């Protein structure tokens, strides 16, 4: 069932319960379990101004395992700025922390989405704590920019897949040599070999890898501005059924896409 932004606004208003009162910790020890979950990552990122209008999913990842059985509050600020979406296909990934909202976006438009709000709070952890409300605002690019971004995503994905094949073999030397200039400047070959072994050896061999999302960006936290593609995969290993891999290729100064960052959770 595909719903218009206005219908989605009404659906959220009618079906999502009021957010729970703030938890009083004045007489108890504060721990991670006692505190509410918070948003740690979104795709696209808040503040992105050139999102591909062909993006078909919006993702939010929380800091804790969440209730996953139709427990979410994708809330609108207004009907005009909420994306057209298919509410029947909302789902959590196997990590129990990432919720996916299928959307249809338009070029050259600003979108505003509350992930929980002061009124609605069905994003909850396993203890029933409502997640801290988070405001996601982003803009889509125009059609010409979208075509350029599509080409960049394809080239970056090819580079990521070739690099991941080296990582899957445990080839730290070659994966370091073929990494981006910024990657090799951040750590030595020996340091990368130690980091790769620590991250991947406990997981065992790679069984499967499914592409989840690709997001083009010209600015990312903690790195110089440039052309980046943030790619996420849902991977399974001998020792771990489901893990989210994030690979970030960058367009190097010689015009070649190379991996600048790798994160697995």
Protein backbone atom coordinates (compact mmCIF):
# COMPACT_ATOMS: atom_id res chain seq x y z
CA UNK A 1 0.00 0.00 0.00
CA UNK A 2 1.55 3.31 -1.08
CA UNK A 3 0.44 6.38 0.83
CA UNK A 4 0.69 10.06 0.02
CA UNK A 5 2.54 12.40 2.43
CA UNK A 6 -0.80 13.71 3.75
CA UNK A 7 -2.16 10.19 4.29
CA UNK A 8 1.05 9.24 6.05
CA UNK A 9 0.68 12.25 8.33
CA UNK A 10 -2.82 11.14 9.28
CA UNK A 11 -1.69 7.53 9.73
CA UNK A 12 1.05 8.59 12.12
CA UNK A 13 -1.35 10.84 14.03
CA UNK A 14 -4.01 8.16 14.43
CA UNK A 15 -1.91 5.09 15.17
CA UNK A 16 1.08 6.16 17.23
CA UNK A 17 0.67 6.41 20.98
CA UNK A 18 1.85 9.34 23.08
CA UNK A 19 5.49 9.36 24.07
CA UNK A 20 6.23 8.16 27.57
CA UNK A 21 7.21 10.66 30.28
CA UNK A 22 10.90 11.23 30.88
CA UNK A 23 12.49 8.63 33.11
CA UNK A 24 13.35 9.87 36.60
CA UNK A 25 16.90 8.81 37.51
CA UNK A 26 17.26 10.98 40.60
CA UNK A 27 17.17 7.98 42.96
CA UNK A 28 18.83 5.33 40.79
CA UNK A 29 22.17 4.56 39.20
CA UNK A 30 22.41 5.77 35.61
CA UNK A 31 23.36 3.00 33.17
CA UNK A 32 23.09 2.41 29.43
CA UNK A 33 20.21 0.01 30.08
CA UNK A 34 18.33 2.58 32.14
CA UNK A 35 18.70 5.39 29.60
CA UNK A 36 16.62 5.76 26.42
CA UNK A 37 18.08 4.78 23.04
CA UNK A 38 19.35 7.46 20.68
CA UNK A 39 19.91 7.74 16.92
CA UNK A 40 23.50 6.93 15.97
CA UNK A 41 23.21 6.88 12.17
CA UNK A 42 20.79 7.75 9.38
CA UNK A 43 20.81 7.18 5.64
CA UNK A 44 20.75 9.80 4.30
CA UNK A 45 22.58 11.88 6.88
CA UNK A 46 20.94 14.94 8.40
CA UNK A 47 22.05 18.07 6.58
CA UNK A 48 22.88 16.38 3.26
CA UNK A 49 22.00 18.75 0.42
CA UNK A 50 22.51 16.62 -2.70
CA UNK A 51 20.71 13.34 -2.04
CA UNK A 52 19.93 11.23 -5.09
CA UNK A 53 16.14 11.48 -5.68
CA UNK A 54 16.34 7.85 -6.79
CA UNK A 55 17.00 6.78 -3.19
CA UNK A 56 14.29 4.29 -2.27
CA UNK A 57 14.92 3.75 1.45
CA UNK A 58 15.50 5.90 4.50
CA UNK A 59 17.28 4.11 7.35
CA UNK A 60 17.73 4.94 11.02
CA UNK A 61 20.04 3.03 13.37
CA UNK A 62 19.68 3.27 17.15
CA UNK A 63 22.17 2.79 19.98
CA UNK A 64 20.31 -0.22 21.46
CA UNK A 65 18.30 -3.25 20.36
CA UNK A 66 14.74 -2.15 19.67
CA UNK A 67 11.20 -3.53 19.77
CA UNK A 68 10.72 -4.55 16.15
CA UNK A 69 7.10 -5.71 15.80
CA UNK A 70 5.45 -2.71 14.11
CA UNK A 71 7.02 -0.37 16.67
CA UNK A 72 8.03 2.88 14.98
CA UNK A 73 7.14 6.54 14.76
CA UNK A 74 8.18 8.09 11.46
CA UNK A 75 6.56 11.48 12.07
CA UNK A 76 5.92 14.42 9.76
CA UNK A 77 6.60 18.08 10.42
CA UNK A 78 4.14 18.89 7.64
CA UNK A 79 2.43 16.95 4.87
CA UNK A 80 4.38 18.90 2.25
CA UNK A 81 7.84 17.96 3.58
CA UNK A 82 7.19 14.29 4.37
CA UNK A 83 8.13 11.80 1.62
CA UNK A 84 5.66 9.55 -0.14
CA UNK A 85 6.13 6.17 1.48
CA UNK A 86 4.92 2.58 1.62
CA UNK A 87 4.00 2.00 5.26
CA UNK A 88 3.20 -1.67 4.69
CA UNK A 89 6.87 -2.36 3.90
CA UNK A 90 8.48 -0.69 6.94
CA UNK A 91 10.82 -3.18 8.56
CA UNK A 92 13.77 -3.69 10.88
CA UNK A 93 16.98 -5.32 9.69
CA UNK A 94 18.32 -8.40 11.42
CA UNK A 95 20.56 -6.27 13.66
CA UNK A 96 17.35 -5.21 15.54
CA UNK A 97 18.63 -1.63 15.57
CA UNK A 98 18.08 -0.40 12.01
CA UNK A 99 14.60 0.49 10.76
CA UNK A 100 13.93 0.99 7.04
CA UNK A 101 11.27 3.27 5.55
CA UNK A 102 10.60 2.70 1.80
CA UNK A 103 10.13 6.06 0.08
CA UNK A 104 9.64 7.79 -3.25
CA UNK A 105 11.55 11.08 -3.41
CA UNK A 106 11.28 14.04 -5.76
CA UNK A 107 14.24 16.06 -7.14
CA UNK A 108 15.03 19.50 -5.76
CA UNK A 109 13.02 19.15 -2.56
CA UNK A 110 13.61 19.50 1.17
CA UNK A 111 12.36 16.67 3.39
CA UNK A 112 11.73 16.90 7.13
CA UNK A 113 11.16 13.76 9.22
CA UNK A 114 10.91 13.34 12.97
CA UNK A 115 12.12 9.98 14.25
CA UNK A 116 9.94 9.94 17.35
CA UNK A 117 8.66 13.31 18.48
CA UNK A 118 7.38 14.99 21.61
CA UNK A 119 3.91 13.56 20.91
CA UNK A 120 4.70 10.18 19.36
CA UNK A 121 7.27 7.67 20.60
CA UNK A 122 6.82 4.14 19.33
CA UNK A 123 10.52 3.70 18.56
CA UNK A 124 11.35 1.90 21.83
CA UNK A 125 14.10 -0.30 23.19
CA UNK A 126 13.46 -3.74 24.66
CA UNK A 127 12.83 -2.20 28.09
CA UNK A 128 10.12 0.09 26.71
CA UNK A 129 12.14 3.32 26.77
CA UNK A 130 11.15 5.62 23.90
CA UNK A 131 14.07 6.79 21.78
CA UNK A 132 15.18 10.41 22.09
CA UNK A 133 13.40 12.35 19.29
CA UNK A 134 15.64 13.07 16.30
CA UNK A 135 15.06 15.55 13.47
CA UNK A 136 16.21 14.37 10.03
CA UNK A 137 16.34 17.10 7.37
CA UNK A 138 17.87 16.64 3.92
CA UNK A 139 17.56 17.92 0.35
CA UNK A 140 17.47 16.05 -2.93
CA UNK A 141 19.51 17.12 -5.95
CA UNK A 142 18.24 17.83 -9.44
CA UNK A 143 18.05 15.32 -12.28
CA UNK A 144 21.43 16.24 -13.83
CA UNK A 145 23.21 15.91 -10.51
CA UNK A 146 21.41 12.63 -9.92
CA UNK A 147 22.85 11.14 -13.13
CA UNK A 148 26.37 12.13 -12.08
CA UNK A 149 25.82 10.65 -8.65
CA UNK A 150 24.54 7.39 -10.14
CA UNK A 151 27.75 7.06 -12.17
CA UNK A 152 29.81 7.82 -9.06
CA UNK A 153 27.91 5.22 -7.03
CA UNK A 154 28.48 2.52 -9.63
CA UNK A 155 32.21 3.22 -9.86
CA UNK A 156 32.56 3.44 -6.08
CA UNK A 157 30.64 0.18 -5.59
CA UNK A 158 32.92 -1.63 -8.04
CA UNK A 159 35.93 -0.35 -6.10
CA UNK A 160 34.38 -1.41 -2.80
CA UNK A 161 33.58 -4.91 -4.01
CA UNK A 162 37.09 -5.47 -5.34
CA UNK A 163 38.55 -4.23 -2.05
CA UNK A 164 36.19 -6.36 0.04
CA UNK A 165 37.29 -9.43 -1.91
CA UNK A 166 40.83 -8.78 -0.63
CA UNK A 167 39.55 -8.27 2.90
CA UNK A 168 37.56 -11.51 2.74
CA UNK A 169 40.80 -13.34 1.86
CA UNK A 170 42.59 -11.70 4.78
CA UNK A 171 44.99 -9.95 2.40
CA UNK A 172 45.90 -6.97 4.56
CA UNK A 173 48.93 -6.04 2.45
CA UNK A 174 47.08 -5.69 -0.87
CA UNK A 175 43.96 -4.12 0.69
CA UNK A 176 46.20 -1.48 2.29
CA UNK A 177 48.12 -0.85 -0.95
CA UNK A 178 44.90 -0.40 -2.96
CA UNK A 179 43.28 1.84 -0.33
CA UNK A 180 42.81 5.57 -0.74
CA UNK A 181 45.64 8.00 -0.06
CA UNK A 182 43.86 9.17 3.10
CA UNK A 183 43.47 5.55 4.23
CA UNK A 184 47.21 4.86 3.94
CA UNK A 185 48.05 8.19 5.57
CA UNK A 186 45.91 7.38 8.60
CA UNK A 187 47.62 4.08 9.47
CA UNK A 188 50.61 1.99 8.45
CA UNK A 189 50.36 -1.34 6.69
CA UNK A 190 51.20 -3.15 9.93
CA UNK A 191 48.56 -1.20 11.85
CA UNK A 192 45.96 -2.04 9.23
CA UNK A 193 46.93 -5.70 9.32
CA UNK A 194 46.45 -5.79 13.09
CA UNK A 195 43.12 -3.94 12.89
CA UNK A 196 41.81 -6.20 10.11
CA UNK A 197 42.77 -9.35 11.97
CA UNK A 198 41.12 -8.11 15.18
CA UNK A 199 37.89 -7.19 13.37
CA UNK A 200 37.48 -10.09 10.97
CA UNK A 201 39.26 -13.15 12.37
CA UNK A 202 36.62 -13.78 15.10
CA UNK A 203 33.86 -13.69 12.47
CA UNK A 204 35.21 -16.47 10.28
CA UNK A 205 34.65 -16.78 6.54
CA UNK A 206 32.16 -14.55 4.72
CA UNK A 207 29.02 -16.46 3.74
CA UNK A 208 26.94 -13.74 2.03
CA UNK A 209 26.84 -10.00 1.50
CA UNK A 210 23.77 -7.98 0.45
CA UNK A 211 23.87 -4.35 -0.65
CA UNK A 212 21.65 -2.22 1.59
CA UNK A 213 22.28 1.38 0.56
CA UNK A 214 24.58 3.78 -1.26
CA UNK A 215 24.71 7.46 -0.37
CA UNK A 216 26.72 10.10 -2.25
CA UNK A 217 28.22 12.89 -0.15
CA UNK A 218 30.67 15.74 -0.57
CA UNK A 219 31.15 16.29 3.15
CA UNK A 220 31.56 13.74 5.94
CA UNK A 221 32.49 14.18 9.63
CA UNK A 222 36.21 14.16 10.40
CA UNK A 223 37.51 14.05 6.80
CA UNK A 224 38.29 16.69 4.14
CA UNK A 225 35.55 17.61 1.69
CA UNK A 226 35.54 15.53 -1.47
CA UNK A 227 33.44 13.02 -3.38
CA UNK A 228 32.44 10.06 -1.21
CA UNK A 229 29.98 7.19 -1.47
CA UNK A 230 28.90 5.61 1.83
CA UNK A 231 27.97 1.99 1.07
CA UNK A 232 26.28 -0.33 3.55
CA UNK A 233 26.01 -4.11 3.28
CA UNK A 234 24.21 -6.70 5.35
CA UNK A 235 26.83 -9.45 5.68
CA UNK A 236 26.77 -12.89 7.26
CA UNK A 237 29.78 -14.83 8.49
CA UNK A 238 30.51 -18.25 9.93
CA UNK A 239 30.65 -16.77 13.41
CA UNK A 240 28.00 -14.03 13.08
CA UNK A 241 24.65 -14.35 11.36
CA UNK A 242 24.19 -10.68 10.55
CA UNK A 243 26.49 -7.65 10.59
CA UNK A 244 26.34 -4.21 8.99
CA UNK A 245 29.44 -3.37 6.96
CA UNK A 246 30.03 0.26 6.00
CA UNK A 247 32.56 0.89 3.22
CA UNK A 248 33.37 4.44 2.15
CA UNK A 249 35.19 4.90 -1.18
CA UNK A 250 36.51 8.35 -2.09
CA UNK A 251 37.44 9.78 -5.48
CA UNK A 252 41.22 10.17 -5.16
CA UNK A 253 43.19 13.01 -6.72
CA UNK A 254 44.07 10.83 -9.74
CA UNK A 255 40.38 10.28 -10.54
CA UNK A 256 40.23 6.70 -9.24
CA UNK A 257 37.73 5.51 -6.62
CA UNK A 258 39.44 3.86 -3.65
CA UNK A 259 38.28 2.80 -0.19
CA UNK A 260 38.97 5.37 2.52
CA UNK A 261 37.12 3.76 5.43
CA UNK A 262 35.74 0.44 6.65
CA UNK A 263 33.48 -0.19 9.64
CA UNK A 264 31.72 -3.35 10.73
CA UNK A 265 29.10 -3.71 13.46
